[in-house]
Amino acid sequence: MNRGFSCLVAGLALLTASTAFAQATYPTRPIRVIVPYPAGGIVDIVARSVTDTVGRNFRQPMVVEAKPGANSNIGTAEVARSAPDGYTWLVTGPAVLVNPSIYKDAGWNAMRDFKCVGLVVWNQSAAVVPVNLPVRTLKDFVELAKSKPGKMNFGNPGIGSSIDLTAKNLFGIAGIDIANIGYKGQPQALIDLITNEIQISVASLALALPHIKDGKLRPLAVFTKERVKELPDVPTIAEAGYPEAVYLPWYGIYVPATTPDELVGRIHDAINKALQSPEVIERLSHADIPGQPMQLDELAKLMQSDFERLTEIVKVSHIAVE
């Protein structure tokens, strides 16, 4: 056999063995967890709640990095370009699925460039208004909005976010014209909602519930199939008269799509193990954002179904950024 060819074969065998060893011993160094939203927001809370336990089980630090910007595009694109070695994760919401339909230069295609390795939470949300707004029900708000087309403001924490898509879907179904006021996250939008700078927001219950309990915000409906236990007197969006607006967004953990299957399996198992641990269940329970272990094929189907539904909302709502 030609000596050069023999060396090539030996080199490839060594590389294959090294790769297999690296996968077998994974992880051997800290894992970066990119959150493409501001620190302290709902996605940041979710990421830390779960990955702290994953890191302890892995015996490696999980370095959560908030990288907001361009409505989550900056952090998401960074993960899409990262090495598929299991050391860079993305924790995000529906924006990963729809932003390429909204931004021409998003920098990725979710169904091609990402693989979901864990569903961290279903994010319960509610339509909330200032307590001094003269409405008691969602239909009251719709009537008021119809009497003032374009004069009432919606606090939007990010174009293409679950909040944006849920709200735009509701406004379209209800036939109301609400001005869009952009924010860099939910916390500031909720502050302005309390002071009546804006008149409505769709807010994650994990962030809105304290203000509701303090009597600073009034919930008009929850975007869930059933009433939530913390707000038993608040109707679901279907009970409020808009069944087509039911939507329960979810936040997941993603890795680059070309990550080897063995690594994907290890990461997926670690996430599901964490979601079933008492400490994570307790953390997510306090935040009112329950987690749910799912299998990889279920996650792939969920990605596909939400991709189809949400891109249709983007199309119908004419959401676009040049």
C-alpha atoms as a PDB file:
ATOM      1  CA  MET A   1       0.000   0.000   0.000  1.00  0.00           C
ATOM      2  CA  ASN A   2       1.256   3.474  -0.836  1.00  0.00           C
ATOM      3  CA  ARG A   3       2.836   5.021   2.238  1.00  0.00           C
ATOM      4  CA  GLY A   4       1.080   8.380   1.727  1.00  0.00           C
ATOM      5  CA  PHE A   5      -2.278   6.657   1.465  1.00  0.00           C
ATOM      6  CA  SER A   6      -1.504   4.648   4.599  1.00  0.00           C
ATOM      7  CA  CYS A   7      -0.772   7.834   6.515  1.00  0.00           C
ATOM      8  CA  LEU A   8      -4.012   9.360   5.317  1.00  0.00           C
ATOM      9  CA  VAL A   9      -6.004   6.346   6.462  1.00  0.00           C
ATOM     10  CA  ALA A  10      -4.240   6.348   9.802  1.00  0.00           C
ATOM     11  CA  GLY A  11      -4.896  10.058  10.215  1.00  0.00           C
ATOM     12  CA  LEU A  12      -8.585   9.673   9.467  1.00  0.00           C
ATOM     13  CA  ALA A  13      -8.819   6.773  11.899  1.00  0.00           C
ATOM     14  CA  LEU A  14      -7.148   8.866  14.598  1.00  0.00           C
ATOM     15  CA  LEU A  15      -9.485  11.788  13.923  1.00  0.00           C
ATOM     16  CA  THR A  16     -12.528   9.499  14.077  1.00  0.00           C
ATOM     17  CA  ALA A  17     -11.307   7.965  17.326  1.00  0.00           C
ATOM     18  CA  SER A  18     -10.634  11.395  18.816  1.00  0.00           C
ATOM     19  CA  THR A  19     -14.105  12.611  17.844  1.00  0.00           C
ATOM     20  CA  ALA A  20     -15.716   9.499  19.321  1.00  0.00           C
ATOM     21  CA  PHE A  21     -13.714   9.923  22.538  1.00  0.00           C
ATOM     22  CA  ALA A  22     -14.691  13.606  22.781  1.00  0.00           C
ATOM     23  CA  GLN A  23     -18.372  12.689  22.398  1.00  0.00           C
ATOM     24  CA  ALA A  24     -18.085   9.851  24.934  1.00  0.00           C
ATOM     25  CA  THR A  25     -16.579  12.158  27.560  1.00  0.00           C
ATOM     26  CA  TYR A  26     -18.801  15.175  26.803  1.00  0.00           C
ATOM     27  CA  PRO A  27     -18.837  17.697  28.354  1.00  0.00           C
ATOM     28  CA  THR A  28     -15.261  18.459  29.322  1.00  0.00           C
ATOM     29  CA  ARG A  29     -15.507  22.250  29.524  1.00  0.00           C
ATOM     30  CA  PRO A  30     -18.082  24.985  30.277  1.00  0.00           C
ATOM     31  CA  ILE A  31     -21.138  25.243  28.030  1.00  0.00           C
ATOM     32  CA  ARG A  32     -22.293  28.620  26.725  1.00  0.00           C
ATOM     33  CA  VAL A  33     -26.026  29.241  26.864  1.00  0.00           C
ATOM     34  CA  ILE A  34     -27.042  32.166  24.664  1.00  0.00           C
ATOM     35  CA  VAL A  35     -30.232  34.029  25.559  1.00  0.00           C
ATOM     36  CA  PRO A  36     -30.998  36.514  22.752  1.00  0.00           C
ATOM     37  CA  TYR A  37     -33.014  38.761  25.074  1.00  0.00           C
ATOM     38  CA  PRO A  38     -32.218  41.162  27.949  1.00  0.00           C
ATOM     39  CA  ALA A  39     -31.032  39.829  31.301  1.00  0.00           C
ATOM     40  CA  GLY A  40     -33.845  39.556  33.833  1.00  0.00           C
ATOM     41  CA  GLY A  41     -36.516  38.867  31.227  1.00  0.00           C
ATOM     42  CA  ILE A  42     -38.652  35.745  31.031  1.00  0.00           C
ATOM     43  CA  VAL A  43     -36.276  33.829  28.725  1.00  0.00           C
ATOM     44  CA  ASP A  44     -33.293  34.611  30.951  1.00  0.00           C
ATOM     45  CA  ILE A  45     -35.227  33.365  33.999  1.00  0.00           C
ATOM     46  CA  VAL A  46     -36.193  30.186  32.165  1.00  0.00           C
ATOM     47  CA  ALA A  47     -32.662  29.516  30.946  1.00  0.00           C
ATOM     48  CA  ARG A  48     -31.090  29.841  34.387  1.00  0.00           C
ATOM     49  CA  SER A  49     -33.836  27.847  36.098  1.00  0.00           C
ATOM     50  CA  VAL A  50     -33.086  24.771  34.013  1.00  0.00           C
ATOM     51  CA  THR A  51     -29.420  25.005  33.013  1.00  0.00           C
ATOM     52  CA  ASP A  52     -28.184  25.480  36.585  1.00  0.00           C
ATOM     53  CA  THR A  53     -29.333  21.942  37.329  1.00  0.00           C
ATOM     54  CA  VAL A  54     -28.084  20.593  33.993  1.00  0.00           C
ATOM     55  CA  GLY A  55     -24.646  22.018  34.764  1.00  0.00           C
ATOM     56  CA  ARG A  56     -24.585  20.457  38.214  1.00  0.00           C
ATOM     57  CA  ASN A  57     -25.446  17.066  36.733  1.00  0.00           C
ATOM     58  CA  PHE A  58     -22.822  17.521  34.003  1.00  0.00           C
ATOM     59  CA  ARG A  59     -20.301  18.790  36.583  1.00  0.00           C
ATOM     60  CA  GLN A  60     -19.499  21.677  34.274  1.00  0.00           C
ATOM     61  CA  PRO A  61     -20.373  25.400  34.478  1.00  0.00           C
ATOM     62  CA  MET A  62     -23.260  26.623  32.330  1.00  0.00           C
ATOM     63  CA  VAL A  63     -22.408  30.182  31.292  1.00  0.00           C
ATOM     64  CA  VAL A  64     -25.672  32.005  30.513  1.00  0.00           C
ATOM     65  CA  GLU A  65     -25.039  35.025  28.282  1.00  0.00           C
ATOM     66  CA  ALA A  66     -27.769  37.565  27.532  1.00  0.00           C
ATOM     67  CA  LYS A  67     -27.167  38.819  23.995  1.00  0.00           C
ATOM     68  CA  PRO A  68     -30.132  41.006  23.049  1.00  0.00           C
ATOM     69  CA  GLY A  69     -30.397  42.981  19.863  1.00  0.00           C
ATOM     70  CA  ALA A  70     -32.357  43.136  16.611  1.00  0.00           C
ATOM     71  CA  ASN A  71     -35.316  41.419  18.261  1.00  0.00           C
ATOM     72  CA  SER A  72     -33.251  38.346  19.171  1.00  0.00           C
ATOM     73  CA  ASN A  73     -31.538  38.040  15.774  1.00  0.00           C
ATOM     74  CA  ILE A  74     -28.015  38.802  16.997  1.00  0.00           C
ATOM     75  CA  GLY A  75     -27.787  36.068  19.619  1.00  0.00           C
ATOM     76  CA  THR A  76     -29.698  33.551  17.509  1.00  0.00           C
ATOM     77  CA  ALA A  77     -27.472  34.059  14.461  1.00  0.00           C
ATOM     78  CA  GLU A  78     -24.380  33.603  16.633  1.00  0.00           C
ATOM     79  CA  VAL A  79     -25.542  30.144  17.697  1.00  0.00           C
ATOM     80  CA  ALA A  80     -26.486  29.244  14.120  1.00  0.00           C
ATOM     81  CA  ARG A  81     -22.869  29.983  13.121  1.00  0.00           C
ATOM     82  CA  SER A  82     -21.293  28.217  16.113  1.00  0.00           C
ATOM     83  CA  ALA A  83     -19.450  24.906  16.001  1.00  0.00           C
ATOM     84  CA  PRO A  84     -21.815  21.918  16.253  1.00  0.00           C
ATOM     85  CA  ASP A  85     -19.900  20.465  19.187  1.00  0.00           C
ATOM     86  CA  GLY A  86     -22.514  20.704  21.955  1.00  0.00           C
ATOM     87  CA  TYR A  87     -20.832  23.630  23.690  1.00  0.00           C
ATOM     88  CA  THR A  88     -23.108  26.431  22.476  1.00  0.00           C
ATOM     89  CA  TRP A  89     -26.839  26.319  23.205  1.00  0.00           C
ATOM     90  CA  LEU A  90     -29.660  28.715  22.411  1.00  0.00           C
ATOM     91  CA  VAL A  91     -32.645  29.295  24.712  1.00  0.00           C
ATOM     92  CA  THR A  92     -35.403  31.199  22.962  1.00  0.00           C
ATOM     93  CA  GLY A  93     -39.066  31.403  22.039  1.00  0.00           C
ATOM     94  CA  PRO A  94     -41.073  31.419  18.800  1.00  0.00           C
ATOM     95  CA  ALA A  95     -38.942  34.181  17.250  1.00  0.00           C
ATOM     96  CA  VAL A  96     -36.418  31.565  16.151  1.00  0.00           C
ATOM     97  CA  LEU A  97     -39.123  30.086  13.908  1.00  0.00           C
ATOM     98  CA  VAL A  98     -40.557  33.254  12.401  1.00  0.00           C
ATOM     99  CA  ASN A  99     -37.878  35.933  12.323  1.00  0.00           C
ATOM    100  CA  PRO A 100     -36.509  34.743   8.949  1.00  0.00           C
ATOM    101  CA  SER A 101     -40.004  35.484   7.579  1.00  0.00           C
ATOM    102  CA  ILE A 102     -39.892  38.983   9.099  1.00  0.00           C
ATOM    103  CA  TYR A 103     -36.270  40.016   8.518  1.00  0.00           C
ATOM    104  CA  LYS A 104     -34.657  39.500   5.123  1.00  0.00           C
ATOM    105  CA  ASP A 105     -31.211  39.301   6.712  1.00  0.00           C
ATOM    106  CA  ALA A 106     -31.997  37.237   9.829  1.00  0.00           C
ATOM    107  CA  GLY A 107     -29.046  34.978   9.096  1.00  0.00           C
ATOM    108  CA  TRP A 108     -30.601  31.532   9.582  1.00  0.00           C
ATOM    109  CA  ASN A 109     -33.468  29.234   8.681  1.00  0.00           C
ATOM    110  CA  ALA A 110     -34.858  27.517  11.773  1.00  0.00           C
ATOM    111  CA  MET A 111     -35.970  24.317  10.092  1.00  0.00           C
ATOM    112  CA  ARG A 112     -32.587  23.930   8.390  1.00  0.00           C
ATOM    113  CA  ASP A 113     -30.105  25.362  10.898  1.00  0.00           C
ATOM    114  CA  PHE A 114     -31.403  24.363  14.335  1.00  0.00           C
ATOM    115  CA  LYS A 115     -32.411  21.268  16.212  1.00  0.00           C
ATOM    116  CA  CYS A 116     -34.599  21.570  19.314  1.00  0.00           C
ATOM    117  CA  VAL A 117     -33.189  19.408  22.102  1.00  0.00           C
ATOM    118  CA  GLY A 118     -35.610  20.302  24.880  1.00  0.00           C
ATOM    119  CA  LEU A 119     -38.846  22.112  25.592  1.00  0.00           C
ATOM    120  CA  VAL A 120     -38.206  24.086  28.745  1.00  0.00           C
ATOM    121  CA  VAL A 121     -41.580  25.701  29.387  1.00  0.00           C
ATOM    122  CA  TRP A 122     -45.008  26.453  28.052  1.00  0.00           C
ATOM    123  CA  ASN A 123     -45.282  30.191  28.612  1.00  0.00           C
ATOM    124  CA  GLN A 124     -48.679  31.176  29.973  1.00  0.00           C
ATOM    125  CA  SER A 125     -49.658  34.730  29.104  1.00  0.00           C
ATOM    126  CA  ALA A 126     -52.546  37.117  29.640  1.00  0.00           C
ATOM    127  CA  ALA A 127     -54.031  40.249  28.102  1.00  0.00           C
ATOM    128  CA  VAL A 128     -53.507  42.930  30.762  1.00  0.00           C
ATOM    129  CA  VAL A 129     -54.495  46.588  31.032  1.00  0.00           C
ATOM    130  CA  PRO A 130     -53.967  49.397  33.573  1.00  0.00           C
ATOM    131  CA  VAL A 131     -56.440  49.246  36.455  1.00  0.00           C
ATOM    132  CA  ASN A 132     -57.602  52.800  35.722  1.00  0.00           C
ATOM    133  CA  LEU A 133     -58.606  51.984  32.145  1.00  0.00           C
ATOM    134  CA  PRO A 134     -62.429  51.970  32.090  1.00  0.00           C
ATOM    135  CA  VAL A 135     -62.842  48.350  30.998  1.00  0.00           C
ATOM    136  CA  ARG A 136     -63.669  45.183  32.901  1.00  0.00           C
ATOM    137  CA  THR A 137     -63.658  42.577  30.140  1.00  0.00           C
ATOM    138  CA  LEU A 138     -61.858  41.950  26.884  1.00  0.00           C
ATOM    139  CA  LYS A 139     -64.988  42.787  24.915  1.00  0.00           C
ATOM    140  CA  ASP A 140     -65.126  46.122  26.794  1.00  0.00           C
ATOM    141  CA  PHE A 141     -61.570  46.798  25.626  1.00  0.00           C
ATOM    142  CA  VAL A 142     -62.395  45.859  22.037  1.00  0.00           C
ATOM    143  CA  GLU A 143     -65.378  48.236  22.037  1.00  0.00           C
ATOM    144  CA  LEU A 144     -63.219  51.032  23.461  1.00  0.00           C
ATOM    145  CA  ALA A 145     -60.482  50.380  20.893  1.00  0.00           C
ATOM    146  CA  LYS A 146     -62.994  50.421  18.043  1.00  0.00           C
ATOM    147  CA  SER A 147     -64.197  53.829  19.220  1.00  0.00           C
ATOM    148  CA  LYS A 148     -60.608  55.133  19.099  1.00  0.00           C
ATOM    149  CA  PRO A 149     -58.929  53.468  16.093  1.00  0.00           C
ATOM    150  CA  GLY A 150     -55.165  53.828  16.239  1.00  0.00           C
ATOM    151  CA  LYS A 151     -55.325  55.896  19.427  1.00  0.00           C
ATOM    152  CA  MET A 152     -54.588  53.150  21.967  1.00  0.00           C
ATOM    153  CA  ASN A 153     -51.125  51.688  22.437  1.00  0.00           C
ATOM    154  CA  PHE A 154     -49.828  48.140  22.667  1.00  0.00           C
ATOM    155  CA  GLY A 155     -46.515  47.503  24.450  1.00  0.00           C
ATOM    156  CA  ASN A 156     -44.537  45.219  22.140  1.00  0.00           C
ATOM    157  CA  PRO A 157     -41.400  43.680  23.702  1.00  0.00           C
ATOM    158  CA  GLY A 158     -40.075  42.513  20.343  1.00  0.00           C
ATOM    159  CA  ILE A 159     -41.264  42.056  16.780  1.00  0.00           C
ATOM    160  CA  GLY A 160     -41.694  38.347  16.118  1.00  0.00           C
ATOM    161  CA  SER A 161     -41.752  37.466  19.828  1.00  0.00           C
ATOM    162  CA  SER A 162     -44.509  35.263  21.223  1.00  0.00           C
ATOM    163  CA  ILE A 163     -46.059  38.382  22.764  1.00  0.00           C
ATOM    164  CA  ASP A 164     -46.084  40.203  19.433  1.00  0.00           C
ATOM    165  CA  LEU A 165     -47.549  37.269  17.514  1.00  0.00           C
ATOM    166  CA  THR A 166     -50.179  36.492  20.140  1.00  0.00           C
ATOM    167  CA  ALA A 167     -51.299  40.128  20.327  1.00  0.00           C
ATOM    168  CA  LYS A 168     -51.318  40.720  16.559  1.00  0.00           C
ATOM    169  CA  ASN A 169     -53.364  37.563  16.088  1.00  0.00           C
ATOM    170  CA  LEU A 170     -55.916  38.752  18.666  1.00  0.00           C
ATOM    171  CA  PHE A 171     -56.108  42.277  17.228  1.00  0.00           C
ATOM    172  CA  GLY A 172     -56.699  40.879  13.758  1.00  0.00           C
ATOM    173  CA  ILE A 173     -59.420  38.513  14.931  1.00  0.00           C
ATOM    174  CA  ALA A 174     -61.099  41.268  16.978  1.00  0.00           C
ATOM    175  CA  GLY A 175     -60.790  43.761  14.140  1.00  0.00           C
ATOM    176  CA  ILE A 176     -59.131  46.539  16.144  1.00  0.00           C
ATOM    177  CA  ASP A 177     -56.403  49.005  15.223  1.00  0.00           C
ATOM    178  CA  ILE A 178     -53.866  49.346  18.052  1.00  0.00           C
ATOM    179  CA  ALA A 179     -50.683  51.405  17.763  1.00  0.00           C
ATOM    180  CA  ASN A 180     -47.488  49.401  18.223  1.00  0.00           C
ATOM    181  CA  ILE A 181     -44.983  50.762  20.774  1.00  0.00           C
ATOM    182  CA  GLY A 182     -41.672  48.909  20.724  1.00  0.00           C
ATOM    183  CA  TYR A 183     -39.700  47.902  23.826  1.00  0.00           C
ATOM    184  CA  LYS A 184     -36.512  45.943  24.429  1.00  0.00           C
ATOM    185  CA  GLY A 185     -38.266  43.496  26.708  1.00  0.00           C
ATOM    186  CA  GLN A 186     -41.352  42.956  28.843  1.00  0.00           C
ATOM    187  CA  PRO A 187     -40.231  44.557  32.151  1.00  0.00           C
ATOM    188  CA  GLN A 188     -40.168  48.138  30.836  1.00  0.00           C
ATOM    189  CA  ALA A 189     -43.400  47.625  28.903  1.00  0.00           C
ATOM    190  CA  LEU A 190     -45.128  46.518  32.111  1.00  0.00           C
ATOM    191  CA  ILE A 191     -43.896  49.620  33.954  1.00  0.00           C
ATOM    192  CA  ASP A 192     -45.377  51.860  31.260  1.00  0.00           C
ATOM    193  CA  LEU A 193     -48.566  49.823  31.278  1.00  0.00           C
ATOM    194  CA  ILE A 194     -48.988  50.396  35.004  1.00  0.00           C
ATOM    195  CA  THR A 195     -48.660  54.160  34.475  1.00  0.00           C
ATOM    196  CA  ASN A 196     -51.072  54.071  31.507  1.00  0.00           C
ATOM    197  CA  GLU A 197     -48.407  55.183  29.011  1.00  0.00           C
ATOM    198  CA  ILE A 198     -49.651  52.206  27.019  1.00  0.00           C
ATOM    199  CA  GLN A 199     -53.102  50.668  27.275  1.00  0.00           C
ATOM    200  CA  ILE A 200     -52.668  46.930  26.690  1.00  0.00           C
ATOM    201  CA  SER A 201     -50.032  44.253  26.631  1.00  0.00           C
ATOM    202  CA  VAL A 202     -49.932  40.507  26.329  1.00  0.00           C
ATOM    203  CA  ALA A 203     -47.642  39.591  29.204  1.00  0.00           C
ATOM    204  CA  SER A 204     -46.019  36.428  30.507  1.00  0.00           C
ATOM    205  CA  LEU A 205     -47.745  35.522  33.759  1.00  0.00           C
ATOM    206  CA  ALA A 206     -44.377  34.948  35.385  1.00  0.00           C
ATOM    207  CA  LEU A 207     -43.733  38.699  35.063  1.00  0.00           C
ATOM    208  CA  ALA A 208     -47.264  40.110  35.224  1.00  0.00           C
ATOM    209  CA  LEU A 209     -48.656  38.098  38.137  1.00  0.00           C
ATOM    210  CA  PRO A 210     -46.967  40.123  40.912  1.00  0.00           C
ATOM    211  CA  HIS A 211     -48.407  43.357  39.463  1.00  0.00           C
ATOM    212  CA  ILE A 212     -51.821  41.742  39.121  1.00  0.00           C
ATOM    213  CA  LYS A 213     -51.770  40.569  42.722  1.00  0.00           C
ATOM    214  CA  ASP A 214     -50.680  44.060  43.842  1.00  0.00           C
ATOM    215  CA  GLY A 215     -53.710  45.534  42.087  1.00  0.00           C
ATOM    216  CA  LYS A 216     -51.646  47.504  39.557  1.00  0.00           C
ATOM    217  CA  LEU A 217     -52.769  45.615  36.449  1.00  0.00           C
ATOM    218  CA  ARG A 218     -56.078  44.063  35.422  1.00  0.00           C
ATOM    219  CA  PRO A 219     -56.060  40.753  33.517  1.00  0.00           C
ATOM    220  CA  LEU A 220     -58.797  40.479  30.896  1.00  0.00           C
ATOM    221  CA  ALA A 221     -58.141  36.955  29.615  1.00  0.00           C
ATOM    222  CA  VAL A 222     -55.502  34.224  29.617  1.00  0.00           C
ATOM    223  CA  PHE A 223     -54.240  32.717  26.347  1.00  0.00           C
ATOM    224  CA  THR A 224     -54.600  29.130  27.504  1.00  0.00           C
ATOM    225  CA  LYS A 225     -57.091  26.334  26.893  1.00  0.00           C
ATOM    226  CA  GLU A 226     -58.047  26.232  30.583  1.00  0.00           C
ATOM    227  CA  ARG A 227     -58.096  28.823  33.358  1.00  0.00           C
ATOM    228  CA  VAL A 228     -54.892  29.128  35.361  1.00  0.00           C
ATOM    229  CA  LYS A 229     -55.008  28.280  39.036  1.00  0.00           C
ATOM    230  CA  GLU A 230     -53.520  31.600  40.179  1.00  0.00           C
ATOM    231  CA  LEU A 231     -56.268  33.565  38.400  1.00  0.00           C
ATOM    232  CA  PRO A 232     -59.382  31.389  38.722  1.00  0.00           C
ATOM    233  CA  ASP A 233     -61.762  34.283  38.002  1.00  0.00           C
ATOM    234  CA  VAL A 234     -60.038  35.349  34.785  1.00  0.00           C
ATOM    235  CA  PRO A 235     -61.592  33.786  31.661  1.00  0.00           C
ATOM    236  CA  THR A 236     -59.642  32.017  28.970  1.00  0.00           C
ATOM    237  CA  ILE A 237     -59.385  33.809  25.645  1.00  0.00           C
ATOM    238  CA  ALA A 238     -62.028  31.413  24.275  1.00  0.00           C
ATOM    239  CA  GLU A 239     -64.385  32.169  27.159  1.00  0.00           C
ATOM    240  CA  ALA A 240     -63.784  35.860  26.513  1.00  0.00           C
ATOM    241  CA  GLY A 241     -65.192  35.387  23.005  1.00  0.00           C
ATOM    242  CA  TYR A 242     -62.081  34.795  20.848  1.00  0.00           C
ATOM    243  CA  PRO A 243     -61.405  31.047  20.601  1.00  0.00           C
ATOM    244  CA  GLU A 244     -59.257  31.455  17.462  1.00  0.00           C
ATOM    245  CA  ALA A 245     -56.753  33.462  19.511  1.00  0.00           C
ATOM    246  CA  VAL A 246     -55.809  30.584  21.822  1.00  0.00           C
ATOM    247  CA  TYR A 247     -52.027  30.177  21.735  1.00  0.00           C
ATOM    248  CA  LEU A 248     -49.618  28.756  24.270  1.00  0.00           C
ATOM    249  CA  PRO A 249     -46.077  29.685  23.217  1.00  0.00           C
ATOM    250  CA  TRP A 250     -43.081  27.683  24.346  1.00  0.00           C
ATOM    251  CA  TYR A 251     -39.435  28.281  25.017  1.00  0.00           C
ATOM    252  CA  GLY A 252     -36.961  25.647  23.969  1.00  0.00           C
ATOM    253  CA  ILE A 253     -33.263  24.836  23.928  1.00  0.00           C
ATOM    254  CA  TYR A 254     -31.622  24.559  20.509  1.00  0.00           C
ATOM    255  CA  VAL A 255     -28.259  23.517  19.113  1.00  0.00           C
ATOM    256  CA  PRO A 256     -26.908  23.763  15.549  1.00  0.00           C
ATOM    257  CA  ALA A 257     -28.664  21.224  13.321  1.00  0.00           C
ATOM    258  CA  THR A 258     -25.436  19.441  12.352  1.00  0.00           C
ATOM    259  CA  THR A 259     -24.595  18.551  15.962  1.00  0.00           C
ATOM    260  CA  PRO A 260     -23.878  14.778  16.040  1.00  0.00           C
ATOM    261  CA  ASP A 261     -26.819  12.613  17.079  1.00  0.00           C
ATOM    262  CA  GLU A 262     -24.939  11.147  20.045  1.00  0.00           C
ATOM    263  CA  LEU A 263     -24.339  14.613  21.499  1.00  0.00           C
ATOM    264  CA  VAL A 264     -27.926  15.636  20.790  1.00  0.00           C
ATOM    265  CA  GLY A 265     -29.106  12.587  22.697  1.00  0.00           C
ATOM    266  CA  ARG A 266     -26.879  13.355  25.692  1.00  0.00           C
ATOM    267  CA  ILE A 267     -28.034  16.977  25.825  1.00  0.00           C
ATOM    268  CA  HIS A 268     -31.684  16.018  25.380  1.00  0.00           C
ATOM    269  CA  ASP A 269     -31.514  13.426  28.180  1.00  0.00           C
ATOM    270  CA  ALA A 270     -29.794  15.917  30.489  1.00  0.00           C
ATOM    271  CA  ILE A 271     -32.487  18.550  29.909  1.00  0.00           C
ATOM    272  CA  ASN A 272     -35.338  16.096  30.479  1.00  0.00           C
ATOM    273  CA  LYS A 273     -33.658  14.829  33.641  1.00  0.00           C
ATOM    274  CA  ALA A 274     -33.383  18.398  34.929  1.00  0.00           C
ATOM    275  CA  LEU A 275     -37.030  19.160  34.123  1.00  0.00           C
ATOM    276  CA  GLN A 276     -38.081  16.241  36.320  1.00  0.00           C
ATOM    277  CA  SER A 277     -35.920  17.275  39.278  1.00  0.00           C
ATOM    278  CA  PRO A 278     -37.716  18.724  42.334  1.00  0.00           C
ATOM    279  CA  GLU A 279     -35.670  21.948  42.352  1.00  0.00           C
ATOM    280  CA  VAL A 280     -36.446  22.800  38.724  1.00  0.00           C
ATOM    281  CA  ILE A 281     -40.111  21.915  39.141  1.00  0.00           C
ATOM    282  CA  GLU A 282     -40.186  24.244  42.146  1.00  0.00           C
ATOM    283  CA  ARG A 283     -38.438  27.099  40.320  1.00  0.00           C
ATOM    284  CA  LEU A 284     -40.713  26.913  37.309  1.00  0.00           C
ATOM    285  CA  SER A 285     -43.780  26.538  39.525  1.00  0.00           C
ATOM    286  CA  HIS A 286     -42.943  29.813  41.292  1.00  0.00           C
ATOM    287  CA  ALA A 287     -42.562  31.481  37.920  1.00  0.00           C
ATOM    288  CA  ASP A 288     -45.865  29.968  36.750  1.00  0.00           C
ATOM    289  CA  ILE A 289     -44.152  28.561  33.682  1.00  0.00           C
ATOM    290  CA  PRO A 290     -44.343  24.756  33.969  1.00  0.00           C
ATOM    291  CA  GLY A 291     -41.792  22.662  32.123  1.00  0.00           C
ATOM    292  CA  GLN A 292     -42.544  19.505  30.174  1.00  0.00           C
ATOM    293  CA  PRO A 293     -40.137  16.772  29.059  1.00  0.00           C
ATOM    294  CA  MET A 294     -40.691  15.752  25.434  1.00  0.00           C
ATOM    295  CA  GLN A 295     -39.036  13.320  23.039  1.00  0.00           C
ATOM    296  CA  LEU A 296     -36.928  14.518  20.118  1.00  0.00           C
ATOM    297  CA  ASP A 297     -39.467  13.466  17.496  1.00  0.00           C
ATOM    298  CA  GLU A 298     -42.209  15.304  19.397  1.00  0.00           C
ATOM    299  CA  LEU A 299     -40.053  18.435  19.487  1.00  0.00           C
ATOM    300  CA  ALA A 300     -39.435  18.227  15.741  1.00  0.00           C
ATOM    301  CA  LYS A 301     -43.186  17.971  15.089  1.00  0.00           C
ATOM    302  CA  LEU A 302     -43.868  20.893  17.444  1.00  0.00           C
ATOM    303  CA  MET A 303     -41.273  23.015  15.641  1.00  0.00           C
ATOM    304  CA  GLN A 304     -42.857  22.235  12.289  1.00  0.00           C
ATOM    305  CA  SER A 305     -46.452  22.890  13.371  1.00  0.00           C
ATOM    306  CA  ASP A 306     -45.595  26.180  15.084  1.00  0.00           C
ATOM    307  CA  PHE A 307     -43.451  27.240  12.141  1.00  0.00           C
ATOM    308  CA  GLU A 308     -46.433  26.795   9.826  1.00  0.00           C
ATOM    309  CA  ARG A 309     -48.941  28.487  12.143  1.00  0.00           C
ATOM    310  CA  LEU A 310     -46.762  31.445  13.111  1.00  0.00           C
ATOM    311  CA  THR A 311     -45.475  32.215   9.636  1.00  0.00           C
ATOM    312  CA  GLU A 312     -49.105  32.362   8.530  1.00  0.00           C
ATOM    313  CA  ILE A 313     -49.807  34.911  11.309  1.00  0.00           C
ATOM    314  CA  VAL A 314     -46.831  36.953  10.072  1.00  0.00           C
ATOM    315  CA  LYS A 315     -48.191  36.842   6.546  1.00  0.00           C
ATOM    316  CA  VAL A 316     -51.773  37.771   7.470  1.00  0.00           C
ATOM    317  CA  SER A 317     -50.645  40.498   9.890  1.00  0.00           C
ATOM    318  CA  HIS A 318     -48.163  41.962   7.367  1.00  0.00           C
ATOM    319  CA  ILE A 319     -45.359  41.912   9.934  1.00  0.00           C
ATOM    320  CA  ALA A 320     -42.100  42.792   8.223  1.00  0.00           C
ATOM    321  CA  VAL A 321     -38.874  44.682   8.869  1.00  0.00           C
ATOM    322  CA  GLU A 322     -36.632  45.865   6.051  1.00  0.00           C
END
